[in-house]
PDB file of N, CA and C in Angstrom:
ATOM      1  N   MET A   1      -6.573  -8.192  -5.390  1.00  0.00           N
ATOM      2  CA  MET A   1      -7.535  -8.523  -4.783  1.00  0.00           C
ATOM      3  C   MET A   1      -7.638 -10.176  -5.733  1.00  0.00           C
ATOM      4  N   GLU A   2      -7.425 -10.024  -6.394  1.00  0.00           N
ATOM      5  CA  GLU A   2      -7.688 -11.948  -7.598  1.00  0.00           C
ATOM      6  C   GLU A   2      -6.463 -11.505  -8.116  1.00  0.00           C
ATOM      7  N   PRO A   3      -6.441 -13.299  -8.331  1.00  0.00           N
ATOM      8  CA  PRO A   3      -5.138 -13.601  -9.250  1.00  0.00           C
ATOM      9  C   PRO A   3      -5.420 -13.418 -10.330  1.00  0.00           C
ATOM     10  N   TYR A   4      -5.065 -12.244 -11.014  1.00  0.00           N
ATOM     11  CA  TYR A   4      -4.715 -11.810 -12.229  1.00  0.00           C
ATOM     12  C   TYR A   4      -3.628 -10.892 -12.396  1.00  0.00           C
ATOM     13  N   ASP A   5      -2.768 -10.962 -13.794  1.00  0.00           N
ATOM     14  CA  ASP A   5      -1.856 -10.380 -13.416  1.00  0.00           C
ATOM     15  C   ASP A   5      -1.764  -8.761 -15.058  1.00  0.00           C
ATOM     16  N   TYR A   6      -1.730  -8.184 -14.031  1.00  0.00           N
ATOM     17  CA  TYR A   6      -2.119  -6.256 -13.981  1.00  0.00           C
ATOM     18  C   TYR A   6      -0.692  -6.233 -15.328  1.00  0.00           C
ATOM     19  N   HIS A   7      -1.620  -5.214 -16.566  1.00  0.00           N
ATOM     20  CA  HIS A   7       0.142  -5.052 -16.642  1.00  0.00           C
ATOM     21  C   HIS A   7      -0.110  -3.584 -17.369  1.00  0.00           C
ATOM     22  N   ASP A   8      -1.637  -3.003 -16.763  1.00  0.00           N
ATOM     23  CA  ASP A   8      -1.270  -1.368 -16.217  1.00  0.00           C
ATOM     24  C   ASP A   8      -1.213  -1.169 -15.783  1.00  0.00           C
ATOM     25  N   ARG A   9      -0.782  -0.947 -14.934  1.00  0.00           N
ATOM     26  CA  ARG A   9      -0.718  -0.158 -13.216  1.00  0.00           C
ATOM     27  C   ARG A   9       0.580   0.098 -12.707  1.00  0.00           C
ATOM     28  N   ASN A  10       0.570   0.764 -12.427  1.00  0.00           N
ATOM     29  CA  ASN A  10       1.180   2.437 -12.192  1.00  0.00           C
ATOM     30  C   ASN A  10       1.846   1.363 -10.775  1.00  0.00           C
ATOM     31  N   CYS A  11       1.050   0.855  -9.864  1.00  0.00           N
ATOM     32  CA  CYS A  11       2.432   0.149  -8.633  1.00  0.00           C
ATOM     33  C   CYS A  11       0.980  -1.375  -8.281  1.00  0.00           C
ATOM     34  N   ALA A  12       1.867  -1.641  -7.497  1.00  0.00           N
ATOM     35  CA  ALA A  12       1.571  -3.083  -6.791  1.00  0.00           C
ATOM     36  C   ALA A  12       1.779  -3.123  -5.516  1.00  0.00           C
ATOM     37  N   ILE A  13       0.572  -3.014  -4.817  1.00  0.00           N
ATOM     38  CA  ILE A  13       1.070  -2.720  -3.131  1.00  0.00           C
ATOM     39  C   ILE A  13       0.215  -3.946  -2.512  1.00  0.00           C
ATOM     40  N   THR A  14       1.519  -4.791  -1.474  1.00  0.00           N
ATOM     41  CA  THR A  14       1.544  -5.845  -0.888  1.00  0.00           C
ATOM     42  C   THR A  14       1.376  -5.616   0.919  1.00  0.00           C
ATOM     43  N   ILE A  15       0.829  -5.969   1.131  1.00  0.00           N
ATOM     44  CA  ILE A  15       0.014  -5.840   2.679  1.00  0.00           C
ATOM     45  C   ILE A  15      -0.463  -6.705   3.239  1.00  0.00           C
ATOM     46  N   ASN A  16      -0.236  -7.587   4.749  1.00  0.00           N
ATOM     47  CA  ASN A  16      -1.113  -8.523   4.926  1.00  0.00           C
ATOM     48  C   ASN A  16      -2.391  -7.516   5.869  1.00  0.00           C
ATOM     49  N   SER A  17      -3.665  -9.111   6.223  1.00  0.00           N
ATOM     50  CA  SER A  17      -5.126  -7.633   6.413  1.00  0.00           C
ATOM     51  C   SER A  17      -4.914  -7.253   7.418  1.00  0.00           C
ATOM     52  N   ASP A  18      -4.296  -7.316   8.257  1.00  0.00           N
ATOM     53  CA  ASP A  18      -4.443  -6.726   9.501  1.00  0.00           C
ATOM     54  C   ASP A  18      -3.923  -5.216   9.557  1.00  0.00           C
ATOM     55  N   ASP A  19      -2.580  -5.619   8.394  1.00  0.00           N
ATOM     56  CA  ASP A  19      -1.886  -4.272   8.754  1.00  0.00           C
ATOM     57  C   ASP A  19      -2.416  -3.499   8.215  1.00  0.00           C
ATOM     58  N   PHE A  20      -3.424  -4.175   6.843  1.00  0.00           N
ATOM     59  CA  PHE A  20      -4.306  -3.701   5.711  1.00  0.00           C
ATOM     60  C   PHE A  20      -5.354  -2.823   7.171  1.00  0.00           C
ATOM     61  N   ASN A  21      -5.794  -3.366   7.978  1.00  0.00           N
ATOM     62  CA  ASN A  21      -7.215  -2.848   8.335  1.00  0.00           C
ATOM     63  C   ASN A  21      -6.206  -1.537   9.540  1.00  0.00           C
ATOM     64  N   LYS A  22      -5.154  -1.727   9.727  1.00  0.00           N
ATOM     65  CA  LYS A  22      -4.344  -1.283  10.689  1.00  0.00           C
ATOM     66  C   LYS A  22      -4.379   0.606   9.750  1.00  0.00           C
ATOM     67  N   LEU A  23      -3.788   0.085   8.558  1.00  0.00           N
ATOM     68  CA  LEU A  23      -3.876   1.418   7.659  1.00  0.00           C
ATOM     69  C   LEU A  23      -5.106   2.076   7.559  1.00  0.00           C
ATOM     70  N   ILE A  24      -6.289   1.456   6.908  1.00  0.00           N
ATOM     71  CA  ILE A  24      -7.242   1.742   6.493  1.00  0.00           C
ATOM     72  C   ILE A  24      -7.646   2.576   8.243  1.00  0.00           C
ATOM     73  N   SER A  25      -8.172   2.586   9.005  1.00  0.00           N
ATOM     74  CA  SER A  25      -8.176   3.095  10.373  1.00  0.00           C
ATOM     75  C   SER A  25      -7.432   3.697  11.290  1.00  0.00           C
ATOM     76  N   GLY A  26      -5.662   3.842  10.298  1.00  0.00           N
ATOM     77  CA  GLY A  26      -5.682   5.245  10.672  1.00  0.00           C
ATOM     78  C   GLY A  26      -4.394   4.800  12.074  1.00  0.00           C
ATOM     79  N   LYS A  27      -4.710   3.846  11.668  1.00  0.00           N
ATOM     80  CA  LYS A  27      -3.624   3.123  13.387  1.00  0.00           C
ATOM     81  C   LYS A  27      -2.014   2.619  13.002  1.00  0.00           C
ATOM     82  N   LEU A  28      -2.306   3.147  11.386  1.00  0.00           N
ATOM     83  CA  LEU A  28      -0.711   2.611  11.040  1.00  0.00           C
ATOM     84  C   LEU A  28      -0.372   4.266   9.398  1.00  0.00           C
ATOM     85  N   ASP A  29       0.844   4.330   9.735  1.00  0.00           N
ATOM     86  CA  ASP A  29       0.994   5.186   8.770  1.00  0.00           C
ATOM     87  C   ASP A  29       1.634   4.550   7.533  1.00  0.00           C
ATOM     88  N   PRO A  30       1.271   4.949   6.342  1.00  0.00           N
ATOM     89  CA  PRO A  30       1.256   4.169   5.483  1.00  0.00           C
ATOM     90  C   PRO A  30       2.605   4.106   5.249  1.00  0.00           C
ATOM     91  N   VAL A  31       3.493   5.614   5.510  1.00  0.00           N
ATOM     92  CA  VAL A  31       4.916   5.734   5.018  1.00  0.00           C
ATOM     93  C   VAL A  31       5.882   4.857   6.248  1.00  0.00           C
ATOM     94  N   ALA A  32       5.560   5.353   7.732  1.00  0.00           N
ATOM     95  CA  ALA A  32       6.216   4.197   8.462  1.00  0.00           C
ATOM     96  C   ALA A  32       6.180   2.366   7.702  1.00  0.00           C
ATOM     97  N   ALA A  33       4.820   2.136   7.739  1.00  0.00           N
ATOM     98  CA  ALA A  33       4.436   0.788   7.005  1.00  0.00           C
ATOM     99  C   ALA A  33       5.272   0.487   5.771  1.00  0.00           C
ATOM    100  N   PHE A  34       5.524   1.346   5.150  1.00  0.00           N
ATOM    101  CA  PHE A  34       6.594   1.060   3.930  1.00  0.00           C
ATOM    102  C   PHE A  34       8.118   0.845   4.514  1.00  0.00           C
ATOM    103  N   THR A  35       8.477   1.954   5.052  1.00  0.00           N
ATOM    104  CA  THR A  35      10.154   2.139   5.874  1.00  0.00           C
ATOM    105  C   THR A  35      10.274   0.662   6.680  1.00  0.00           C
ATOM    106  N   ILE A  36       9.045   0.087   7.419  1.00  0.00           N
ATOM    107  CA  ILE A  36       9.289  -1.261   8.008  1.00  0.00           C
ATOM    108  C   ILE A  36       9.119  -2.277   7.214  1.00  0.00           C
ATOM    109  N   GLY A  37       8.844  -1.830   6.442  1.00  0.00           N
ATOM    110  CA  GLY A  37       8.211  -3.386   5.404  1.00  0.00           C
ATOM    111  C   GLY A  37       7.041  -4.437   5.504  1.00  0.00           C
ATOM    112  N   LYS A  38       6.167  -3.380   6.791  1.00  0.00           N
ATOM    113  CA  LYS A  38       5.222  -4.116   6.872  1.00  0.00           C
ATOM    114  C   LYS A  38       3.899  -3.734   5.574  1.00  0.00           C
ATOM    115  N   LEU A  39       5.072  -2.642   4.478  1.00  0.00           N
ATOM    116  CA  LEU A  39       4.006  -2.653   3.227  1.00  0.00           C
ATOM    117  C   LEU A  39       5.394  -2.832   3.045  1.00  0.00           C
ATOM    118  N   LYS A  40       4.943  -3.283   0.868  1.00  0.00           N
ATOM    119  CA  LYS A  40       5.328  -3.446  -0.169  1.00  0.00           C
ATOM    120  C   LYS A  40       5.469  -2.958  -1.048  1.00  0.00           C
ATOM    121  N   VAL A  41       5.848  -1.826  -2.781  1.00  0.00           N
ATOM    122  CA  VAL A  41       5.233  -1.678  -3.192  1.00  0.00           C
ATOM    123  C   VAL A  41       6.601  -2.117  -4.195  1.00  0.00           C
ATOM    124  N   ASP A  42       5.803  -2.376  -5.687  1.00  0.00           N
ATOM    125  CA  ASP A  42       6.125  -2.890  -7.334  1.00  0.00           C
ATOM    126  C   ASP A  42       6.300  -2.007  -7.551  1.00  0.00           C
ATOM    127  N   GLY A  43       6.850  -0.709  -8.903  1.00  0.00           N
ATOM    128  CA  GLY A  43       6.364  -0.331  -9.693  1.00  0.00           C
ATOM    129  C   GLY A  43       6.576   1.266  -9.021  1.00  0.00           C
ATOM    130  N   ASP A  44       5.899   2.375  -9.021  1.00  0.00           N
ATOM    131  CA  ASP A  44       6.399   3.404  -8.681  1.00  0.00           C
ATOM    132  C   ASP A  44       5.934   4.420  -7.437  1.00  0.00           C
ATOM    133  N   VAL A  45       6.891   3.952  -6.723  1.00  0.00           N
ATOM    134  CA  VAL A  45       6.601   4.626  -4.849  1.00  0.00           C
ATOM    135  C   VAL A  45       5.820   5.553  -5.113  1.00  0.00           C
ATOM    136  N   GLY A  46       6.462   6.643  -5.928  1.00  0.00           N
ATOM    137  CA  GLY A  46       5.030   7.997  -6.090  1.00  0.00           C
ATOM    138  C   GLY A  46       3.619   7.809  -6.424  1.00  0.00           C
ATOM    139  N   LYS A  47       3.082   6.598  -6.918  1.00  0.00           N
ATOM    140  CA  LYS A  47       1.564   7.173  -7.430  1.00  0.00           C
ATOM    141  C   LYS A  47       1.747   5.596  -5.870  1.00  0.00           C
ATOM    142  N   ALA A  48       2.547   5.204  -5.148  1.00  0.00           N
ATOM    143  CA  ALA A  48       1.530   4.468  -3.867  1.00  0.00           C
ATOM    144  C   ALA A  48       1.816   5.966  -2.811  1.00  0.00           C
ATOM    145  N   LEU A  49       2.484   6.754  -3.012  1.00  0.00           N
ATOM    146  CA  LEU A  49       2.387   7.968  -1.750  1.00  0.00           C
ATOM    147  C   LEU A  49       1.483   8.543  -1.768  1.00  0.00           C
ATOM    148  N   GLU A  50       0.243   8.805  -2.844  1.00  0.00           N
ATOM    149  CA  GLU A  50      -0.702   9.190  -3.116  1.00  0.00           C
ATOM    150  C   GLU A  50      -1.369   8.385  -2.636  1.00  0.00           C
ATOM    151  N   LEU A  51      -1.628   6.929  -2.077  1.00  0.00           N
ATOM    152  CA  LEU A  51      -2.649   6.172  -1.529  1.00  0.00           C
ATOM    153  C   LEU A  51      -2.495   7.436  -0.831  1.00  0.00           C
ATOM    154  N   SER A  52      -1.437   7.068   0.488  1.00  0.00           N
ATOM    155  CA  SER A  52      -1.717   7.845   1.724  1.00  0.00           C
ATOM    156  C   SER A  52      -2.083   8.839   1.795  1.00  0.00           C
ATOM    157  N   LYS A  53      -2.279  10.270   0.509  1.00  0.00           N
ATOM    158  CA  LYS A  53      -3.450  10.918   0.372  1.00  0.00           C
ATOM    159  C   LYS A  53      -4.559  10.748   1.043  1.00  0.00           C
ATOM    160  N   LEU A  54      -4.362   9.515   0.031  1.00  0.00           N
ATOM    161  CA  LEU A  54      -6.604   9.407   0.267  1.00  0.00           C
ATOM    162  C   LEU A  54      -6.915   8.589   1.349  1.00  0.00           C
ATOM    163  N   LEU A  55      -5.819   8.218   2.633  1.00  0.00           N
ATOM    164  CA  LEU A  55      -5.900   7.850   4.079  1.00  0.00           C
ATOM    165  C   LEU A  55      -6.706   8.519   5.336  1.00  0.00           C
ATOM    166  N   LYS A  56      -5.378  10.158   4.448  1.00  0.00           N
ATOM    167  CA  LYS A  56      -6.004  11.223   5.538  1.00  0.00           C
ATOM    168  C   LYS A  56      -7.071  11.909   5.898  1.00  0.00           C
TER     169      LYS A  56
END
């Protein structure tokens, strides 16, 4: 959220605010969003998949 260079992260997730709201509300599946390019992961994709478990 802040313009800061995190060196201790496992991954960074990039998604626009509209799609993020859909993701949080359950209207957008995280795996589908990644597959179609609405959600981008820089780093460990496995850690990003853990986020999808938390959203369910």
